[in-house]
N, C-alpha and C. Protein backbone atom coordinates (compact mmCIF):
# COMPACT_ATOMS: atom_id res chain seq x y z
N MET A 1 6.04 44.54 -0.65
CA MET A 1 5.28 43.65 0.31
C MET A 1 5.05 42.31 -0.65
N LEU A 2 4.81 42.51 -1.80
CA LEU A 2 4.74 41.23 -2.60
C LEU A 2 6.23 40.43 -2.80
N ALA A 3 7.33 41.33 -2.98
CA ALA A 3 8.43 40.75 -3.06
C ALA A 3 8.93 39.83 -1.94
N VAL A 4 8.56 40.47 -0.67
CA VAL A 4 8.74 39.77 0.63
C VAL A 4 8.16 38.40 0.64
N ARG A 5 6.85 38.53 0.20
CA ARG A 5 6.11 37.23 0.29
C ARG A 5 6.65 36.17 -0.76
N VAL A 6 7.00 36.66 -1.99
CA VAL A 6 7.74 35.83 -2.94
C VAL A 6 8.96 35.24 -2.40
N ALA A 7 9.77 36.08 -1.78
CA ALA A 7 11.10 35.50 -1.16
C ALA A 7 10.76 34.51 -0.10
N SER A 8 9.74 34.75 0.68
CA SER A 8 9.41 33.85 1.80
C SER A 8 8.85 32.40 1.19
N LEU A 9 8.24 32.65 -0.09
CA LEU A 9 7.68 31.22 -0.67
C LEU A 9 8.86 30.63 -1.27
N GLU A 10 9.80 31.33 -1.87
CA GLU A 10 11.12 30.74 -2.52
C GLU A 10 11.84 30.02 -1.37
N SER A 11 12.09 30.54 -0.23
CA SER A 11 12.91 29.89 0.80
C SER A 11 12.01 28.61 1.42
N ASP A 12 10.75 28.72 1.22
CA ASP A 12 10.01 27.62 1.86
C ASP A 12 10.08 26.43 0.60
N MET A 13 10.09 26.87 -0.56
CA MET A 13 10.17 25.89 -1.51
C MET A 13 11.51 25.16 -1.61
N LYS A 14 12.51 25.80 -1.19
CA LYS A 14 13.88 25.32 -1.17
C LYS A 14 13.94 24.16 -0.13
N GLU A 15 13.33 24.52 1.04
CA GLU A 15 13.16 23.56 2.20
C GLU A 15 12.34 22.40 1.61
N VAL A 16 11.38 22.63 1.10
CA VAL A 16 10.50 21.37 0.44
C VAL A 16 11.28 20.60 -0.56
N LYS A 17 11.97 21.41 -1.35
CA LYS A 17 13.02 20.58 -2.38
C LYS A 17 13.96 19.69 -1.55
N ALA A 18 14.58 20.28 -0.60
CA ALA A 18 15.63 19.49 0.13
C ALA A 18 14.85 18.30 0.85
N ASP A 19 13.75 18.51 1.40
CA ASP A 19 13.02 17.34 2.02
C ASP A 19 12.52 16.40 0.97
N MET A 20 12.34 16.76 -0.22
CA MET A 20 11.95 15.77 -1.15
C MET A 20 13.11 14.84 -1.55
N LYS A 21 14.32 15.48 -1.63
CA LYS A 21 15.42 14.68 -1.89
C LYS A 21 15.84 13.76 -0.91
N VAL A 22 15.69 14.04 0.29
CA VAL A 22 15.85 13.18 1.50
C VAL A 22 14.76 12.06 1.32
N LEU A 23 13.58 12.34 1.15
CA LEU A 23 12.52 11.40 1.07
C LEU A 23 12.80 10.31 -0.05
N ARG A 24 13.29 11.02 -1.27
CA ARG A 24 13.65 9.99 -2.41
C ARG A 24 14.65 9.08 -2.00
N THR A 25 15.80 9.45 -1.21
CA THR A 25 16.70 8.46 -0.89
C THR A 25 16.19 7.51 0.18
N ASP A 26 15.45 7.73 0.99
CA ASP A 26 14.84 7.06 1.86
C ASP A 26 13.82 5.99 1.29
N VAL A 27 13.14 6.31 0.26
CA VAL A 27 12.18 5.50 -0.40
C VAL A 27 13.15 4.40 -1.14
N ALA A 28 14.15 4.92 -1.85
CA ALA A 28 15.12 4.02 -2.45
C ALA A 28 15.62 3.08 -1.61
N GLU A 29 15.95 3.41 -0.34
CA GLU A 29 16.41 2.43 0.56
C GLU A 29 15.49 1.48 0.98
N LEU A 30 14.25 1.80 1.24
CA LEU A 30 13.17 0.97 1.65
C LEU A 30 12.88 -0.03 0.41
N LYS A 31 12.80 0.38 -0.80
CA LYS A 31 12.71 -0.42 -1.92
C LYS A 31 13.71 -1.51 -1.89
N GLY A 32 14.93 -1.06 -1.84
CA GLY A 32 16.00 -2.23 -1.89
C GLY A 32 15.84 -3.19 -0.78
N LYS A 33 15.50 -2.81 0.40
CA LYS A 33 15.22 -3.88 1.51
C LYS A 33 14.06 -4.65 1.16
N VAL A 34 12.88 -4.18 0.71
CA VAL A 34 11.67 -5.07 0.35
C VAL A 34 11.93 -5.98 -0.71
N SER A 35 12.77 -5.47 -1.68
CA SER A 35 13.16 -6.30 -2.90
C SER A 35 13.97 -7.64 -2.39
N MET A 36 14.59 -7.49 -1.14
CA MET A 36 15.25 -8.64 -0.57
C MET A 36 14.32 -9.62 0.24
N LEU A 37 13.25 -9.31 0.42
CA LEU A 37 12.32 -10.18 1.22
C LEU A 37 11.85 -11.44 0.41
N PRO A 38 11.55 -12.54 0.88
CA PRO A 38 11.05 -13.65 0.05
C PRO A 38 9.73 -13.49 -0.32
N GLY A 39 9.45 -14.03 -1.57
CA GLY A 39 8.00 -13.85 -2.05
C GLY A 39 7.15 -15.02 -1.46
N TYR A 40 6.07 -15.21 -2.16
CA TYR A 40 5.06 -16.24 -1.53
C TYR A 40 5.79 -17.71 -1.69
N GLY A 41 6.42 -18.08 -2.72
CA GLY A 41 7.07 -19.21 -2.70
C GLY A 41 8.13 -19.47 -1.74
N GLY A 42 8.96 -18.54 -1.44
CA GLY A 42 10.04 -18.65 -0.34
C GLY A 42 9.30 -18.74 1.01
N ILE A 43 8.23 -17.94 1.30
CA ILE A 43 7.60 -18.09 2.57
C ILE A 43 7.06 -19.49 2.75
N ALA A 44 6.35 -19.92 1.64
CA ALA A 44 5.84 -21.42 1.74
C ALA A 44 6.84 -22.32 1.85
N LEU A 45 7.99 -22.26 1.30
CA LEU A 45 9.12 -23.13 1.42
C LEU A 45 9.45 -23.27 3.02
N ILE A 46 9.68 -21.96 3.45
CA ILE A 46 10.21 -21.92 4.96
C ILE A 46 9.23 -22.50 5.87
N VAL A 47 7.98 -22.26 5.70
CA VAL A 47 6.93 -22.76 6.57
C VAL A 47 6.91 -24.35 6.36
N GLY A 48 7.07 -24.75 5.08
CA GLY A 48 6.99 -26.26 4.99
C GLY A 48 8.24 -26.89 5.62
N LEU A 49 9.27 -26.28 5.56
CA LEU A 49 10.55 -26.73 6.16
C LEU A 49 10.46 -26.94 7.84
N ILE A 50 9.90 -25.83 8.26
CA ILE A 50 9.55 -25.77 9.61
C ILE A 50 8.50 -26.85 10.16
N VAL A 51 7.44 -26.98 9.39
CA VAL A 51 6.44 -28.00 9.74
C VAL A 51 7.25 -29.44 9.47
N GLY A 52 7.88 -29.62 8.49
CA GLY A 52 8.70 -30.90 8.23
C GLY A 52 9.63 -31.28 9.34
N LEU A 53 10.51 -30.35 9.65
CA LEU A 53 11.56 -30.53 10.84
C LEU A 53 10.69 -30.83 12.21
N SER A 54 9.53 -30.14 12.38
CA SER A 54 8.75 -30.38 13.54
C SER A 54 8.17 -31.72 13.62
N THR A 55 7.67 -32.05 12.44
CA THR A 55 7.05 -33.58 12.31
C THR A 55 8.17 -34.62 12.60
N ILE A 56 9.32 -34.37 12.04
CA ILE A 56 10.36 -35.34 12.21
C ILE A 56 10.94 -35.40 13.59
N ALA A 57 10.93 -34.25 14.28
CA ALA A 57 11.28 -34.29 15.68
C ALA A 57 10.46 -34.94 16.47
N GLN A 58 8.97 -34.81 16.10
CA GLN A 58 7.95 -35.37 17.00
C GLN A 58 8.07 -37.00 16.79
N VAL A 59 8.28 -37.38 15.55
CA VAL A 59 8.32 -38.86 15.36
C VAL A 59 9.60 -39.51 15.82
N ALA A 60 10.67 -38.67 15.83
CA ALA A 60 11.96 -39.26 16.51
C ALA A 60 11.71 -39.33 18.01
N ALA A 61 10.98 -38.42 18.63
CA ALA A 61 10.88 -38.36 20.07
C ALA A 61 9.90 -39.46 20.49
N ARG A 62 9.07 -39.85 19.68
CA ARG A 62 8.10 -41.21 20.06
C ARG A 62 9.01 -42.35 19.99
N PHE A 63 9.95 -42.52 19.05
CA PHE A 63 10.86 -43.83 18.82
C PHE A 63 11.83 -43.75 19.94
N ILE A 64 12.21 -42.63 20.55
CA ILE A 64 13.28 -42.64 21.58
C ILE A 64 12.64 -43.04 22.84
N GLN A 65 11.28 -42.74 23.21
CA GLN A 65 10.53 -42.97 24.39
C GLN A 65 10.51 -44.62 24.45
C-alpha cells in the first residue's frame, strides 16, 4: 500500500519537475522581452518628442491658414 502511494507521489513529482522546467524557460523569455522595454528616460523622451512634434504641427497649421 505504501509503495503504491510512494510511486504515485514520484510520478506526480516528475510532472511537477517538467512543469517547472517549462515555467523556467517561459520566465526567461519574459525577462528578455521586459529588458528590451524603454526605461523612464526613454519613455520621457518619446513623450517629449510627441508633444514637440504636435506643437510644431499646430504652429505650422496656424501659419498656413
